[in-house]
């Protein structure tokens, strides 16, 4: 294997959706609607609260990912 092959195998494709969108797609419709409502209401629900609940439910999530998704600064917005 050549150098370029090694580099290519280490490169990752640019994601087309963020991890929040992946979680949304994995949820049942009721939970998805609830999460979408919480994401839309930035006054009532903090990034941290959303992240804590998602982690408790087994999703690997971080505050920054939730914040970026809410601000439209994630892969979904590209």
PDB file of N, CA and C in Angstrom:
ATOM      1  N   UNK A   1       0.837  -1.166   0.000  1.00  0.00           N
ATOM      2  CA  UNK A   1       0.000   0.000   0.000  1.00  0.00           C
ATOM      3  C   UNK A   1       0.892   1.242   0.000  1.00  0.00           C
ATOM      4  N   UNK A   2       0.554   2.209  -0.856  1.00  0.00           N
ATOM      5  CA  UNK A   2       1.337   3.431  -0.963  1.00  0.00           C
ATOM      6  C   UNK A   2       0.897   4.488   0.034  1.00  0.00           C
ATOM      7  N   UNK A   3       1.643   5.573   0.057  1.00  0.00           N
ATOM      8  CA  UNK A   3       1.364   6.679   0.969  1.00  0.00           C
ATOM      9  C   UNK A   3      -0.042   7.225   0.761  1.00  0.00           C
ATOM     10  N   UNK A   4      -0.414   7.432  -0.492  1.00  0.00           N
ATOM     11  CA  UNK A   4      -1.736   7.983  -0.772  1.00  0.00           C
ATOM     12  C   UNK A   4      -2.843   7.033  -0.287  1.00  0.00           C
ATOM     13  N   UNK A   5      -2.629   5.742  -0.416  1.00  0.00           N
ATOM     14  CA  UNK A   5      -3.598   4.766   0.083  1.00  0.00           C
ATOM     15  C   UNK A   5      -3.739   4.873   1.596  1.00  0.00           C
ATOM     16  N   UNK A   6      -2.608   5.045   2.285  1.00  0.00           N
ATOM     17  CA  UNK A   6      -2.648   5.206   3.741  1.00  0.00           C
ATOM     18  C   UNK A   6      -3.417   6.460   4.135  1.00  0.00           C
ATOM     19  N   UNK A   7      -3.153   7.546   3.423  1.00  0.00           N
ATOM     20  CA  UNK A   7      -3.839   8.810   3.720  1.00  0.00           C
ATOM     21  C   UNK A   7      -5.331   8.667   3.454  1.00  0.00           C
ATOM     22  N   UNK A   8      -5.690   8.053   2.346  1.00  0.00           N
ATOM     23  CA  UNK A   8      -7.100   7.867   2.003  1.00  0.00           C
ATOM     24  C   UNK A   8      -7.817   7.021   3.042  1.00  0.00           C
ATOM     25  N   UNK A   9      -7.152   6.002   3.567  1.00  0.00           N
ATOM     26  CA  UNK A   9      -7.796   5.146   4.557  1.00  0.00           C
ATOM     27  C   UNK A   9      -7.988   5.869   5.896  1.00  0.00           C
ATOM     28  N   UNK A  10      -7.180   6.896   6.155  1.00  0.00           N
ATOM     29  CA  UNK A  10      -7.314   7.685   7.374  1.00  0.00           C
ATOM     30  C   UNK A  10      -8.324   8.822   7.226  1.00  0.00           C
ATOM     31  N   UNK A  11      -8.654   9.183   6.010  1.00  0.00           N
ATOM     32  CA  UNK A  11      -9.583  10.284   5.760  1.00  0.00           C
ATOM     33  C   UNK A  11     -11.013   9.815   5.968  1.00  0.00           C
ATOM     34  N   UNK A  12     -11.802  10.715   6.453  1.00  0.00           N
ATOM     35  CA  UNK A  12     -13.205  10.412   6.670  1.00  0.00           C
ATOM     36  C   UNK A  12     -14.030  11.308   5.758  1.00  0.00           C
ATOM     37  N   UNK A  13     -15.085  10.777   5.187  1.00  0.00           N
ATOM     38  CA  UNK A  13     -15.939  11.635   4.366  1.00  0.00           C
ATOM     39  C   UNK A  13     -16.642  12.681   5.234  1.00  0.00           C
ATOM     40  N   UNK A  14     -16.938  13.814   4.651  1.00  0.00           N
ATOM     41  CA  UNK A  14     -17.649  14.861   5.365  1.00  0.00           C
ATOM     42  C   UNK A  14     -19.077  14.401   5.609  1.00  0.00           C
ATOM     43  N   UNK A  15     -19.512  14.416   6.867  1.00  0.00           N
ATOM     44  CA  UNK A  15     -20.876  13.957   7.150  1.00  0.00           C
ATOM     45  C   UNK A  15     -21.908  14.895   6.523  1.00  0.00           C
ATOM     46  N   UNK A  16     -23.041  14.350   6.133  1.00  0.00           N
ATOM     47  CA  UNK A  16     -24.105  15.166   5.563  1.00  0.00           C
ATOM     48  C   UNK A  16     -25.140  15.554   6.610  1.00  0.00           C
ATOM     49  N   UNK A  17     -25.124  14.873   7.734  1.00  0.00           N
ATOM     50  CA  UNK A  17     -25.979  15.239   8.864  1.00  0.00           C
ATOM     51  C   UNK A  17     -25.157  15.143  10.139  1.00  0.00           C
ATOM     52  N   UNK A  18     -25.596  15.848  11.166  1.00  0.00           N
ATOM     53  CA  UNK A  18     -24.872  15.832  12.437  1.00  0.00           C
ATOM     54  C   UNK A  18     -25.387  14.714  13.332  1.00  0.00           C
ATOM     55  N   UNK A  19     -24.744  14.554  14.472  1.00  0.00           N
ATOM     56  CA  UNK A  19     -25.121  13.488  15.392  1.00  0.00           C
ATOM     57  C   UNK A  19     -26.509  13.709  15.997  1.00  0.00           C
ATOM     58  N   UNK A  20     -26.956  14.952  16.094  1.00  0.00           N
ATOM     59  CA  UNK A  20     -28.308  15.212  16.589  1.00  0.00           C
ATOM     60  C   UNK A  20     -29.333  14.678  15.588  1.00  0.00           C
ATOM     61  N   UNK A  21     -29.088  14.881  14.307  1.00  0.00           N
ATOM     62  CA  UNK A  21     -29.987  14.367  13.275  1.00  0.00           C
ATOM     63  C   UNK A  21     -29.999  12.846  13.269  1.00  0.00           C
ATOM     64  N   UNK A  22     -28.855  12.237  13.536  1.00  0.00           N
ATOM     65  CA  UNK A  22     -28.785  10.777  13.611  1.00  0.00           C
ATOM     66  C   UNK A  22     -29.648  10.273  14.768  1.00  0.00           C
ATOM     67  N   UNK A  23     -29.578  10.952  15.902  1.00  0.00           N
ATOM     68  CA  UNK A  23     -30.402  10.580  17.059  1.00  0.00           C
ATOM     69  C   UNK A  23     -31.878  10.744  16.712  1.00  0.00           C
ATOM     70  N   UNK A  24     -32.234  11.856  16.105  1.00  0.00           N
ATOM     71  CA  UNK A  24     -33.622  12.094  15.723  1.00  0.00           C
ATOM     72  C   UNK A  24     -34.146  10.978  14.817  1.00  0.00           C
ATOM     73  N   UNK A  25     -33.331  10.561  13.869  1.00  0.00           N
ATOM     74  CA  UNK A  25     -33.738   9.512  12.934  1.00  0.00           C
ATOM     75  C   UNK A  25     -33.906   8.166  13.626  1.00  0.00           C
ATOM     76  N   UNK A  26     -33.200   7.964  14.727  1.00  0.00           N
ATOM     77  CA  UNK A  26     -33.236   6.700  15.454  1.00  0.00           C
ATOM     78  C   UNK A  26     -34.428   6.588  16.407  1.00  0.00           C
ATOM     79  N   UNK A  27     -35.034   7.712  16.743  1.00  0.00           N
ATOM     80  CA  UNK A  27     -36.093   7.735  17.753  1.00  0.00           C
ATOM     81  C   UNK A  27     -37.448   7.342  17.186  1.00  0.00           C
ATOM     82  N   UNK A  28     -38.323   6.910  18.091  1.00  0.00           N
ATOM     83  CA  UNK A  28     -39.711   6.668  17.678  1.00  0.00           C
ATOM     84  C   UNK A  28     -40.367   8.037  17.468  1.00  0.00           C
ATOM     85  N   UNK A  29     -41.456   8.087  16.729  1.00  0.00           N
ATOM     86  CA  UNK A  29     -42.059   9.383  16.372  1.00  0.00           C
ATOM     87  C   UNK A  29     -42.405  10.286  17.558  1.00  0.00           C
ATOM     88  N   UNK A  30     -42.904   9.734  18.643  1.00  0.00           N
ATOM     89  CA  UNK A  30     -43.265  10.561  19.816  1.00  0.00           C
ATOM     90  C   UNK A  30     -42.034  11.224  20.416  1.00  0.00           C
ATOM     91  N   UNK A  31     -40.975  10.436  20.635  1.00  0.00           N
ATOM     92  CA  UNK A  31     -39.744  11.002  21.191  1.00  0.00           C
ATOM     93  C   UNK A  31     -39.114  12.000  20.220  1.00  0.00           C
ATOM     94  N   UNK A  32     -39.156  11.699  18.934  1.00  0.00           N
ATOM     95  CA  UNK A  32     -38.600  12.618  17.935  1.00  0.00           C
ATOM     96  C   UNK A  32     -39.329  13.954  17.986  1.00  0.00           C
ATOM     97  N   UNK A  33     -40.666  13.924  18.052  1.00  0.00           N
ATOM     98  CA  UNK A  33     -41.436  15.169  18.130  1.00  0.00           C
ATOM     99  C   UNK A  33     -41.100  15.944  19.394  1.00  0.00           C
ATOM    100  N   UNK A  34     -40.955  15.232  20.513  1.00  0.00           N
ATOM    101  CA  UNK A  34     -40.608  15.891  21.779  1.00  0.00           C
ATOM    102  C   UNK A  34     -39.225  16.541  21.698  1.00  0.00           C
ATOM    103  N   UNK A  35     -38.254  15.818  21.131  1.00  0.00           N
ATOM    104  CA  UNK A  35     -36.907  16.374  21.014  1.00  0.00           C
ATOM    105  C   UNK A  35     -36.894  17.563  20.066  1.00  0.00           C
ATOM    106  N   UNK A  36     -37.597  17.469  18.956  1.00  0.00           N
ATOM    107  CA  UNK A  36     -37.657  18.595  18.022  1.00  0.00           C
ATOM    108  C   UNK A  36     -38.266  19.828  18.692  1.00  0.00           C
ATOM    109  N   UNK A  37     -39.292  19.620  19.508  1.00  0.00           N
ATOM    110  CA  UNK A  37     -39.908  20.736  20.233  1.00  0.00           C
ATOM    111  C   UNK A  37     -38.919  21.352  21.221  1.00  0.00           C
ATOM    112  N   UNK A  38     -38.187  20.502  21.938  1.00  0.00           N
ATOM    113  CA  UNK A  38     -37.193  21.005  22.901  1.00  0.00           C
ATOM    114  C   UNK A  38     -36.069  21.750  22.188  1.00  0.00           C
ATOM    115  N   UNK A  39     -35.628  21.235  21.054  1.00  0.00           N
ATOM    116  CA  UNK A  39     -34.566  21.900  20.300  1.00  0.00           C
ATOM    117  C   UNK A  39     -35.023  23.269  19.789  1.00  0.00           C
ATOM    118  N   UNK A  40     -36.282  23.374  19.422  1.00  0.00           N
ATOM    119  CA  UNK A  40     -36.808  24.636  18.893  1.00  0.00           C
ATOM    120  C   UNK A  40     -37.009  25.687  19.978  1.00  0.00           C
ATOM    121  N   UNK A  41     -37.233  25.261  21.218  1.00  0.00           N
ATOM    122  CA  UNK A  41     -37.513  26.178  22.321  1.00  0.00           C
ATOM    123  C   UNK A  41     -36.242  26.411  23.142  1.00  0.00           C
ATOM    124  N   UNK A  42     -35.442  27.372  22.712  1.00  0.00           N
ATOM    125  CA  UNK A  42     -34.161  27.633  23.364  1.00  0.00           C
ATOM    126  C   UNK A  42     -34.306  28.438  24.650  1.00  0.00           C
ATOM    127  N   UNK A  43     -35.485  28.945  24.915  1.00  0.00           N
ATOM    128  CA  UNK A  43     -35.721  29.697  26.145  1.00  0.00           C
ATOM    129  C   UNK A  43     -35.991  28.743  27.303  1.00  0.00           C
ATOM    130  N   UNK A  44     -36.815  27.748  27.066  1.00  0.00           N
ATOM    131  CA  UNK A  44     -37.227  26.831  28.121  1.00  0.00           C
ATOM    132  C   UNK A  44     -36.220  25.713  28.355  1.00  0.00           C
ATOM    133  N   UNK A  45     -35.630  25.189  27.276  1.00  0.00           N
ATOM    134  CA  UNK A  45     -34.776  24.001  27.371  1.00  0.00           C
ATOM    135  C   UNK A  45     -33.330  24.328  27.010  1.00  0.00           C
ATOM    136  N   UNK A  46     -32.425  24.077  27.926  1.00  0.00           N
ATOM    137  CA  UNK A  46     -31.006  24.358  27.688  1.00  0.00           C
ATOM    138  C   UNK A  46     -30.346  23.213  26.927  1.00  0.00           C
ATOM    139  N   UNK A  47     -29.221  23.524  26.306  1.00  0.00           N
ATOM    140  CA  UNK A  47     -28.423  22.494  25.620  1.00  0.00           C
ATOM    141  C   UNK A  47     -28.035  21.401  26.621  1.00  0.00           C
ATOM    142  N   UNK A  48     -27.661  21.835  27.812  1.00  0.00           N
ATOM    143  CA  UNK A  48     -27.199  20.895  28.835  1.00  0.00           C
ATOM    144  C   UNK A  48     -28.307  19.945  29.271  1.00  0.00           C
ATOM    145  N   UNK A  49     -29.503  20.464  29.471  1.00  0.00           N
ATOM    146  CA  UNK A  49     -30.622  19.607  29.883  1.00  0.00           C
ATOM    147  C   UNK A  49     -30.929  18.571  28.810  1.00  0.00           C
ATOM    148  N   UNK A  50     -30.957  18.998  27.567  1.00  0.00           N
ATOM    149  CA  UNK A  50     -31.222  18.072  26.461  1.00  0.00           C
ATOM    150  C   UNK A  50     -30.137  17.010  26.402  1.00  0.00           C
ATOM    151  N   UNK A  51     -28.893  17.428  26.526  1.00  0.00           N
ATOM    152  CA  UNK A  51     -27.763  16.495  26.464  1.00  0.00           C
ATOM    153  C   UNK A  51     -27.828  15.475  27.590  1.00  0.00           C
ATOM    154  N   UNK A  52     -28.109  15.925  28.799  1.00  0.00           N
ATOM    155  CA  UNK A  52     -28.185  14.996  29.945  1.00  0.00           C
ATOM    156  C   UNK A  52     -29.244  13.925  29.729  1.00  0.00           C
ATOM    157  N   UNK A  53     -30.411  14.330  29.243  1.00  0.00           N
ATOM    158  CA  UNK A  53     -31.488  13.365  29.016  1.00  0.00           C
ATOM    159  C   UNK A  53     -31.113  12.391  27.904  1.00  0.00           C
ATOM    160  N   UNK A  54     -30.527  12.895  26.827  1.00  0.00           N
ATOM    161  CA  UNK A  54     -30.125  11.995  25.734  1.00  0.00           C
ATOM    162  C   UNK A  54     -29.068  10.999  26.199  1.00  0.00           C
ATOM    163  N   UNK A  55     -28.132  11.452  27.007  1.00  0.00           N
ATOM    164  CA  UNK A  55     -27.111  10.531  27.542  1.00  0.00           C
ATOM    165  C   UNK A  55     -27.747   9.458  28.424  1.00  0.00           C
ATOM    166  N   UNK A  56     -28.678   9.872  29.274  1.00  0.00           N
ATOM    167  CA  UNK A  56     -29.369   8.892  30.131  1.00  0.00           C
ATOM    168  C   UNK A  56     -30.109   7.852  29.303  1.00  0.00           C
ATOM    169  N   UNK A  57     -30.554   8.248  28.130  1.00  0.00           N
ATOM    170  CA  UNK A  57     -31.277   7.323  27.253  1.00  0.00           C
ATOM    171  C   UNK A  57     -30.341   6.550  26.325  1.00  0.00           C
ATOM    172  N   UNK A  58     -29.037   6.703  26.539  1.00  0.00           N
ATOM    173  CA  UNK A  58     -28.066   5.884  25.818  1.00  0.00           C
ATOM    174  C   UNK A  58     -27.472   6.494  24.566  1.00  0.00           C
ATOM    175  N   UNK A  59     -27.743   7.762  24.316  1.00  0.00           N
ATOM    176  CA  UNK A  59     -27.180   8.422  23.136  1.00  0.00           C
ATOM    177  C   UNK A  59     -25.890   9.145  23.507  1.00  0.00           C
ATOM    178  N   UNK A  60     -24.872   9.001  22.675  1.00  0.00           N
ATOM    179  CA  UNK A  60     -23.595   9.687  22.875  1.00  0.00           C
ATOM    180  C   UNK A  60     -23.755  11.115  22.361  1.00  0.00           C
ATOM    181  N   UNK A  61     -23.943  12.044  23.275  1.00  0.00           N
ATOM    182  CA  UNK A  61     -24.230  13.417  22.884  1.00  0.00           C
ATOM    183  C   UNK A  61     -23.426  14.369  23.752  1.00  0.00           C
ATOM    184  N   UNK A  62     -23.134  15.543  23.173  1.00  0.00           N
ATOM    185  CA  UNK A  62     -22.389  16.582  23.883  1.00  0.00           C
ATOM    186  C   UNK A  62     -23.108  17.918  23.707  1.00  0.00           C
ATOM    187  N   UNK A  63     -22.966  18.786  24.685  1.00  0.00           N
ATOM    188  CA  UNK A  63     -23.626  20.097  24.650  1.00  0.00           C
ATOM    189  C   UNK A  63     -23.337  20.850  23.357  1.00  0.00           C
ATOM    190  N   UNK A  64     -22.088  20.820  22.937  1.00  0.00           N
ATOM    191  CA  UNK A  64     -21.699  21.588  21.749  1.00  0.00           C
ATOM    192  C   UNK A  64     -22.423  21.094  20.494  1.00  0.00           C
ATOM    193  N   UNK A  65     -22.637  19.786  20.413  1.00  0.00           N
ATOM    194  CA  UNK A  65     -23.355  19.244  19.250  1.00  0.00           C
ATOM    195  C   UNK A  65     -24.791  19.757  19.215  1.00  0.00           C
ATOM    196  N   UNK A  66     -25.432  19.761  20.385  1.00  0.00           N
ATOM    197  CA  UNK A  66     -26.803  20.257  20.469  1.00  0.00           C
ATOM    198  C   UNK A  66     -26.832  21.748  20.135  1.00  0.00           C
ATOM    199  N   UNK A  67     -25.911  22.504  20.699  1.00  0.00           N
ATOM    200  CA  UNK A  67     -25.851  23.946  20.440  1.00  0.00           C
ATOM    201  C   UNK A  67     -25.633  24.239  18.962  1.00  0.00           C
ATOM    202  N   UNK A  68     -24.700  23.535  18.342  1.00  0.00           N
ATOM    203  CA  UNK A  68     -24.430  23.750  16.917  1.00  0.00           C
ATOM    204  C   UNK A  68     -25.644  23.413  16.058  1.00  0.00           C
ATOM    205  N   UNK A  69     -26.341  22.342  16.401  1.00  0.00           N
ATOM    206  CA  UNK A  69     -27.538  21.965  15.640  1.00  0.00           C
ATOM    207  C   UNK A  69     -28.604  23.052  15.775  1.00  0.00           C
ATOM    208  N   UNK A  70     -28.795  23.537  16.981  1.00  0.00           N
ATOM    209  CA  UNK A  70     -29.802  24.579  17.220  1.00  0.00           C
ATOM    210  C   UNK A  70     -29.470  25.868  16.472  1.00  0.00           C
ATOM    211  N   UNK A  71     -28.220  26.188  16.353  1.00  0.00           N
ATOM    212  CA  UNK A  71     -27.788  27.420  15.675  1.00  0.00           C
ATOM    213  C   UNK A  71     -27.667  27.274  14.169  1.00  0.00           C
ATOM    214  N   UNK A  72     -27.845  26.062  13.684  1.00  0.00           N
ATOM    215  CA  UNK A  72     -27.685  25.824  12.243  1.00  0.00           C
ATOM    216  C   UNK A  72     -26.230  25.827  11.822  1.00  0.00           C
ATOM    217  N   UNK A  73     -25.341  25.463  12.738  1.00  0.00           N
ATOM    218  CA  UNK A  73     -23.907  25.449  12.450  1.00  0.00           C
ATOM    219  C   UNK A  73     -23.362  24.034  12.369  1.00  0.00           C
ATOM    220  N   UNK A  74     -24.227  23.080  12.079  1.00  0.00           N
ATOM    221  CA  UNK A  74     -23.803  21.672  12.006  1.00  0.00           C
ATOM    222  C   UNK A  74     -23.821  21.210  10.554  1.00  0.00           C
ATOM    223  N   UNK A  75     -23.515  19.952  10.352  1.00  0.00           N
ATOM    224  CA  UNK A  75     -23.495  19.383   9.000  1.00  0.00           C
ATOM    225  C   UNK A  75     -24.853  19.438   8.326  1.00  0.00           C
ATOM    226  N   UNK A  76     -25.925  19.426   9.096  1.00  0.00           N
ATOM    227  CA  UNK A  76     -27.286  19.488   8.518  1.00  0.00           C
ATOM    228  C   UNK A  76     -27.505  20.779   7.741  1.00  0.00           C
ATOM    229  N   UNK A  77     -26.882  21.842   8.189  1.00  0.00           N
ATOM    230  CA  UNK A  77     -27.097  23.158   7.577  1.00  0.00           C
ATOM    231  C   UNK A  77     -26.292  23.375   6.294  1.00  0.00           C
ATOM    232  N   UNK A  78     -25.385  22.472   6.010  1.00  0.00           N
ATOM    233  CA  UNK A  78     -24.537  22.643   4.821  1.00  0.00           C
ATOM    234  C   UNK A  78     -25.257  22.247   3.568  1.00  0.00           C
TER     235      UNK A  78
END
